[in-house]
N, C-alpha and C. Protein backbone atom coordinates (compact mmCIF):
# COMPACT_ATOMS: atom_id res chain seq x y z
N MET A 1 123.62 80.38 99.33
CA MET A 1 124.24 79.75 100.37
C MET A 1 125.58 79.01 99.91
N VAL A 2 125.65 78.67 98.69
CA VAL A 2 127.02 78.12 98.28
C VAL A 2 128.04 78.96 98.13
N TYR A 3 127.93 80.12 98.03
CA TYR A 3 128.81 81.23 97.55
C TYR A 3 129.96 81.33 98.75
N PRO A 4 129.33 81.52 100.05
CA PRO A 4 130.52 81.60 101.17
C PRO A 4 131.18 80.28 101.23
N ALA A 5 130.48 79.16 101.01
CA ALA A 5 131.41 78.02 101.42
C ALA A 5 132.19 77.73 100.09
N LEU A 6 132.09 78.08 98.82
CA LEU A 6 132.94 78.08 97.84
C LEU A 6 134.17 79.02 97.91
N LEU A 7 133.97 80.15 98.39
CA LEU A 7 134.85 80.88 98.61
C LEU A 7 135.95 80.69 99.86
N ALA A 8 135.28 80.12 100.78
CA ALA A 8 136.18 79.80 101.98
C ALA A 8 136.90 78.46 101.61
N ALA A 9 136.42 77.52 100.64
CA ALA A 9 137.30 76.48 100.12
C ALA A 9 138.40 77.02 99.62
N ILE A 10 138.29 78.02 98.72
CA ILE A 10 139.65 78.57 98.00
C ILE A 10 140.35 79.37 98.91
N GLY A 11 139.72 80.02 99.88
CA GLY A 11 140.89 80.70 100.99
C GLY A 11 141.58 79.54 101.79
N ASP A 12 140.99 78.45 102.11
CA ASP A 12 141.37 77.28 102.90
C ASP A 12 142.55 76.54 102.10
N VAL A 13 142.64 76.66 100.76
CA VAL A 13 143.59 75.85 100.12
C VAL A 13 144.66 76.70 99.79
N ALA A 14 144.67 77.97 99.50
CA ALA A 14 145.52 78.80 98.98
C ALA A 14 146.44 78.88 99.99
N ASN A 15 147.77 79.44 99.60
CA ASN A 15 148.93 79.51 100.36
C ASN A 15 148.62 80.94 100.55
N PRO A 16 148.72 81.34 101.77
CA PRO A 16 148.71 82.84 102.46
C PRO A 16 149.31 83.82 101.59
N THR A 17 150.55 83.41 101.03
CA THR A 17 151.09 84.38 100.31
C THR A 17 150.43 84.85 98.84
N TRP A 18 149.66 83.80 98.25
CA TRP A 18 148.87 84.12 97.27
C TRP A 18 147.22 83.95 97.25
N ARG A 19 146.82 83.85 98.69
CA ARG A 19 145.37 83.65 98.80
C ARG A 19 144.51 84.89 98.05
N ALA A 20 144.97 86.03 98.39
CA ALA A 20 144.22 87.07 97.74
C ALA A 20 144.14 86.92 96.16
N ARG A 21 145.22 86.58 95.40
CA ARG A 21 145.21 86.35 94.03
C ARG A 21 144.23 85.28 93.70
N SER A 22 144.38 83.99 94.45
CA SER A 22 143.25 82.87 94.21
C SER A 22 142.06 83.28 94.28
N VAL A 23 141.73 84.11 95.30
CA VAL A 23 140.29 84.32 95.44
C VAL A 23 139.73 85.40 94.46
N GLY A 24 140.84 86.39 94.06
CA GLY A 24 140.32 87.33 92.86
C GLY A 24 140.20 86.32 91.64
N ILE A 25 141.16 85.46 91.34
CA ILE A 25 140.78 84.71 90.00
C ILE A 25 139.52 84.00 90.29
N TYR A 26 139.24 83.56 91.15
CA TYR A 26 138.18 82.55 91.46
C TYR A 26 136.94 83.62 91.22
N ARG A 27 136.77 84.65 91.74
CA ARG A 27 135.82 85.49 91.50
C ARG A 27 135.64 86.13 90.11
N LEU A 28 136.70 86.28 89.55
CA LEU A 28 136.81 86.75 88.02
C LEU A 28 136.08 85.69 87.19
N TRP A 29 136.53 84.44 87.39
CA TRP A 29 135.79 83.42 86.58
C TRP A 29 134.34 83.26 86.88
N ARG A 30 133.94 83.16 88.27
CA ARG A 30 132.56 82.97 88.62
C ARG A 30 131.82 84.30 88.35
N ASP A 31 132.23 85.49 88.39
CA ASP A 31 131.29 86.45 87.97
C ASP A 31 131.30 86.43 86.51
N GLY A 32 132.32 86.42 85.79
CA GLY A 32 132.28 86.18 84.33
C GLY A 32 131.23 85.13 83.97
N GLY A 33 131.39 84.02 84.58
CA GLY A 33 130.42 82.86 84.08
C GLY A 33 128.80 83.40 84.37
N PHE A 34 128.67 84.08 85.46
CA PHE A 34 127.37 84.79 85.40
C PHE A 34 126.72 85.43 84.19
N ALA A 35 127.81 86.37 83.80
CA ALA A 35 127.30 87.34 82.72
C ALA A 35 127.35 86.37 81.41
N VAL A 36 128.29 85.82 81.06
CA VAL A 36 128.47 84.86 79.81
C VAL A 36 127.53 83.62 79.72
N GLY A 37 127.17 83.26 81.07
CA GLY A 37 126.25 82.12 81.13
C GLY A 37 124.95 82.43 80.82
N ALA A 38 124.56 83.48 81.28
CA ALA A 38 123.17 84.17 81.16
C ALA A 38 123.01 84.37 79.66
N LEU A 39 123.84 84.96 79.17
CA LEU A 39 123.89 85.43 77.65
C LEU A 39 123.81 83.94 76.71
N LEU A 40 124.65 82.96 77.12
CA LEU A 40 124.74 81.70 76.09
C LEU A 40 123.40 80.98 76.62
N SER A 41 123.04 81.06 77.76
CA SER A 41 121.69 80.19 78.08
C SER A 41 120.49 80.57 77.32
N GLY A 42 120.46 82.02 77.28
CA GLY A 42 119.50 82.66 76.45
C GLY A 42 119.54 82.29 74.96
N LEU A 43 120.75 82.53 74.48
CA LEU A 43 120.74 82.08 73.07
C LEU A 43 120.44 80.53 72.94
N LEU A 44 120.81 79.58 73.56
CA LEU A 44 120.72 78.41 73.37
C LEU A 44 119.05 77.98 73.63
N ALA A 45 118.59 78.73 74.45
CA ALA A 45 117.16 78.57 74.67
C ALA A 45 116.37 79.25 73.46
N ASP A 46 116.80 80.16 72.85
CA ASP A 46 115.88 80.69 71.74
C ASP A 46 116.26 79.70 70.49
N LEU A 47 117.42 79.13 70.21
CA LEU A 47 117.71 78.41 69.27
C LEU A 47 117.40 77.02 69.33
N TYR A 48 117.37 76.34 70.64
CA TYR A 48 117.20 74.89 70.40
C TYR A 48 116.06 74.49 71.85
N GLY A 49 115.77 75.58 72.32
CA GLY A 49 114.46 75.17 73.44
C GLY A 49 115.25 75.28 74.66
N ILE A 50 114.32 75.60 75.77
CA ILE A 50 114.64 75.65 77.34
C ILE A 50 115.37 74.35 77.65
N PRO A 51 114.80 73.28 77.44
CA PRO A 51 115.42 71.98 77.98
C PRO A 51 116.80 71.77 77.71
N SER A 52 117.14 72.13 76.24
CA SER A 52 118.56 72.01 75.99
C SER A 52 119.47 72.95 76.55
N ALA A 53 119.09 74.04 77.03
CA ALA A 53 119.84 75.38 77.53
C ALA A 53 120.06 74.71 79.18
N ILE A 54 119.14 73.95 79.60
CA ILE A 54 119.16 73.63 80.90
C ILE A 54 120.23 72.43 80.95
N ALA A 55 120.01 71.52 79.87
CA ALA A 55 120.98 70.37 80.06
C ALA A 55 122.50 70.72 80.02
N THR A 56 122.61 71.84 79.15
CA THR A 56 124.01 72.47 78.70
C THR A 56 124.61 73.02 79.92
N VAL A 57 123.73 73.73 80.79
CA VAL A 57 124.16 74.36 81.88
C VAL A 57 124.66 73.20 83.00
N ALA A 58 123.68 72.31 83.13
CA ALA A 58 124.05 71.17 84.01
C ALA A 58 125.37 70.21 83.60
N ALA A 59 125.51 70.20 82.35
CA ALA A 59 126.81 69.67 81.97
C ALA A 59 127.92 70.36 82.08
N LEU A 60 128.15 71.77 81.86
CA LEU A 60 129.09 72.54 82.25
C LEU A 60 129.37 72.82 83.71
N THR A 61 128.27 72.68 84.50
CA THR A 61 128.53 72.47 86.00
C THR A 61 129.09 71.39 86.47
N ALA A 62 128.54 70.13 85.93
CA ALA A 62 129.33 68.90 86.35
C ALA A 62 130.75 68.92 85.95
N ALA A 63 131.08 69.49 84.80
CA ALA A 63 132.38 69.29 84.39
C ALA A 63 133.36 70.18 85.13
N SER A 64 132.77 71.27 85.41
CA SER A 64 133.61 72.08 86.34
C SER A 64 133.67 71.26 87.64
N GLY A 65 132.67 70.68 88.25
CA GLY A 65 132.99 70.19 89.45
C GLY A 65 133.83 68.88 89.31
N LEU A 66 133.97 68.52 88.41
CA LEU A 66 134.92 67.25 88.01
C LEU A 66 136.45 67.82 88.00
N VAL A 67 136.53 68.97 87.52
CA VAL A 67 138.04 69.60 87.30
C VAL A 67 138.45 69.94 88.67
N VAL A 68 137.51 70.66 89.37
CA VAL A 68 137.86 70.69 90.92
C VAL A 68 138.14 69.63 91.77
N ALA A 69 137.41 68.61 91.45
CA ALA A 69 137.67 67.44 92.20
C ALA A 69 139.07 66.77 91.91
N VAL A 70 139.31 66.73 90.60
CA VAL A 70 140.55 66.33 90.31
C VAL A 70 141.93 67.30 90.58
N ARG A 71 141.50 68.54 90.39
CA ARG A 71 142.76 69.73 90.53
C ARG A 71 143.07 70.07 91.88
N MET A 72 141.84 70.41 92.82
CA MET A 72 142.21 71.15 93.84
C MET A 72 142.30 69.95 95.20
N ARG A 73 143.48 70.18 95.86
CA ARG A 73 143.70 69.27 96.69
C ARG A 73 143.85 70.17 98.21
N ARG A 74 143.41 69.53 99.36
CA ARG A 74 143.60 70.27 100.69
C ARG A 74 145.08 70.80 100.91
N ASN A 75 146.10 69.93 100.49
CA ASN A 75 147.44 70.15 100.93
C ASN A 75 148.18 71.30 99.86
N ASP A 76 147.44 71.85 98.81
CA ASP A 76 148.34 72.36 97.88
C ASP A 76 149.04 73.68 98.53
N HIS A 77 148.51 74.30 99.64
CA HIS A 77 149.04 75.43 100.10
C HIS A 77 150.47 74.92 100.99
N ILE A 78 150.44 73.66 101.53
CA ILE A 78 151.40 73.19 102.24
C ILE A 78 152.70 72.82 101.21
N ILE A 79 152.43 72.24 100.08
CA ILE A 79 153.29 72.26 98.81
C ILE A 79 154.06 73.47 98.41
N GLY A 80 153.06 74.46 98.28
CA GLY A 80 153.78 75.80 97.96
C GLY A 80 154.69 76.36 98.95
N TRP A 81 154.34 76.21 100.09
CA TRP A 81 155.40 76.52 101.26
C TRP A 81 156.68 75.91 101.15
N ALA A 82 156.50 74.42 100.84
CA ALA A 82 157.89 73.60 101.03
C ALA A 82 158.58 74.10 99.68
N LEU A 83 158.15 74.42 98.35
CA LEU A 83 158.70 75.03 97.31
C LEU A 83 159.14 76.37 97.79
N ALA A 84 158.62 77.20 98.41
CA ALA A 84 159.12 78.57 99.00
C ALA A 84 160.21 78.64 99.76
N LEU A 85 160.34 77.39 100.36
CA LEU A 85 161.32 77.24 101.59
C LEU A 85 162.52 76.17 101.14
N SER A 86 162.61 75.83 99.91
CA SER A 86 163.53 75.00 99.32
C SER A 86 164.83 75.61 99.60
N PRO A 87 166.02 74.95 99.56
CA PRO A 87 167.39 75.13 100.09
C PRO A 87 167.80 76.24 98.81
N THR A 88 167.28 76.12 97.51
CA THR A 88 167.68 77.06 96.44
C THR A 88 166.96 78.32 96.86
N ARG A 89 165.52 78.42 97.17
CA ARG A 89 165.08 79.54 97.49
C ARG A 89 165.71 80.33 98.58
N GLN A 90 166.19 79.63 99.75
CA GLN A 90 166.78 80.13 100.78
C GLN A 90 168.03 80.58 100.82
N HIS A 91 168.82 80.26 99.69
CA HIS A 91 170.06 80.51 99.67
C HIS A 91 170.40 82.06 99.48
N GLY A 92 169.66 82.94 98.73
CA GLY A 92 169.69 84.19 98.75
C GLY A 92 169.13 84.86 99.73
N MET A 93 168.54 84.30 100.75
CA MET A 93 167.76 84.99 101.92
C MET A 93 168.82 85.39 103.19
N SER A 94 168.48 86.29 103.74
CA SER A 94 169.24 86.63 105.20
C SER A 94 168.74 85.73 106.10
N PRO A 95 169.43 85.63 107.35
CA PRO A 95 169.01 84.64 108.37
C PRO A 95 167.58 85.28 108.89
N HIS A 96 167.42 86.47 108.82
CA HIS A 96 166.25 87.18 109.44
C HIS A 96 164.90 86.78 108.33
N GLU A 97 165.22 86.88 107.01
CA GLU A 97 164.23 86.53 106.05
C GLU A 97 163.95 84.98 106.17
N ARG A 98 164.93 84.21 106.33
CA ARG A 98 164.63 82.85 106.49
C ARG A 98 163.61 82.49 107.98
N THR A 99 164.04 83.14 108.95
CA THR A 99 163.33 82.99 110.25
C THR A 99 161.95 83.44 109.97
N THR A 100 161.65 84.64 109.55
CA THR A 100 160.43 85.26 109.26
C THR A 100 159.61 84.11 108.25
N VAL A 101 160.10 83.84 107.44
CA VAL A 101 159.43 82.92 106.60
C VAL A 101 159.15 81.75 107.15
N SER A 102 159.84 81.01 107.82
CA SER A 102 159.61 79.79 108.61
C SER A 102 158.50 80.08 109.60
N ASP A 103 158.58 81.25 110.59
CA ASP A 103 157.31 81.58 111.37
C ASP A 103 156.07 81.75 110.77
N GLN A 104 156.16 82.22 109.57
CA GLN A 104 154.80 82.25 108.91
C GLN A 104 154.30 81.07 108.35
N ARG A 105 155.34 80.23 107.89
CA ARG A 105 154.83 78.72 107.46
C ARG A 105 154.17 77.81 108.61
N ILE A 106 154.76 78.16 109.59
CA ILE A 106 154.48 77.25 111.09
C ILE A 106 152.93 77.83 111.42
N GLY A 107 152.78 79.19 111.35
CA GLY A 107 151.57 79.52 111.91
C GLY A 107 150.54 79.25 110.62
N SER A 108 150.77 79.25 109.26
CA SER A 108 149.63 79.07 108.44
C SER A 108 148.99 77.62 108.49
N HIS A 109 149.55 76.43 109.00
CA HIS A 109 149.15 75.33 109.04
C HIS A 109 148.07 75.24 110.16
N ASP A 110 148.00 76.18 111.24
CA ASP A 110 146.97 76.32 112.13
C ASP A 110 145.69 76.76 111.81
N ARG A 111 145.74 77.38 110.53
CA ARG A 111 144.51 78.11 110.02
C ARG A 111 143.67 77.10 109.18
């Protein structure tokens, strides 16, 4: 039940131009965490007992939640568009490219 909500959160915050990359990076770390986490939990349980393995998993989960709470902001994708549309970025664009990028930016805020 958590997986769709977390995946949607990544999609909501990511700029449309790098949304696919963001979801891919999220899935890489999440899926890698499943594999590495299972191996490390088993190793910790064998060496120090199940309670210490569970405590370690809880601490890592809490730490990752804190990192997300500090680093992930709802307006990150808006800031990305502002940088993409900065005057120095638009200087080398044709009028058609500027209009296309502006139209995409306006439509992305409604999603």
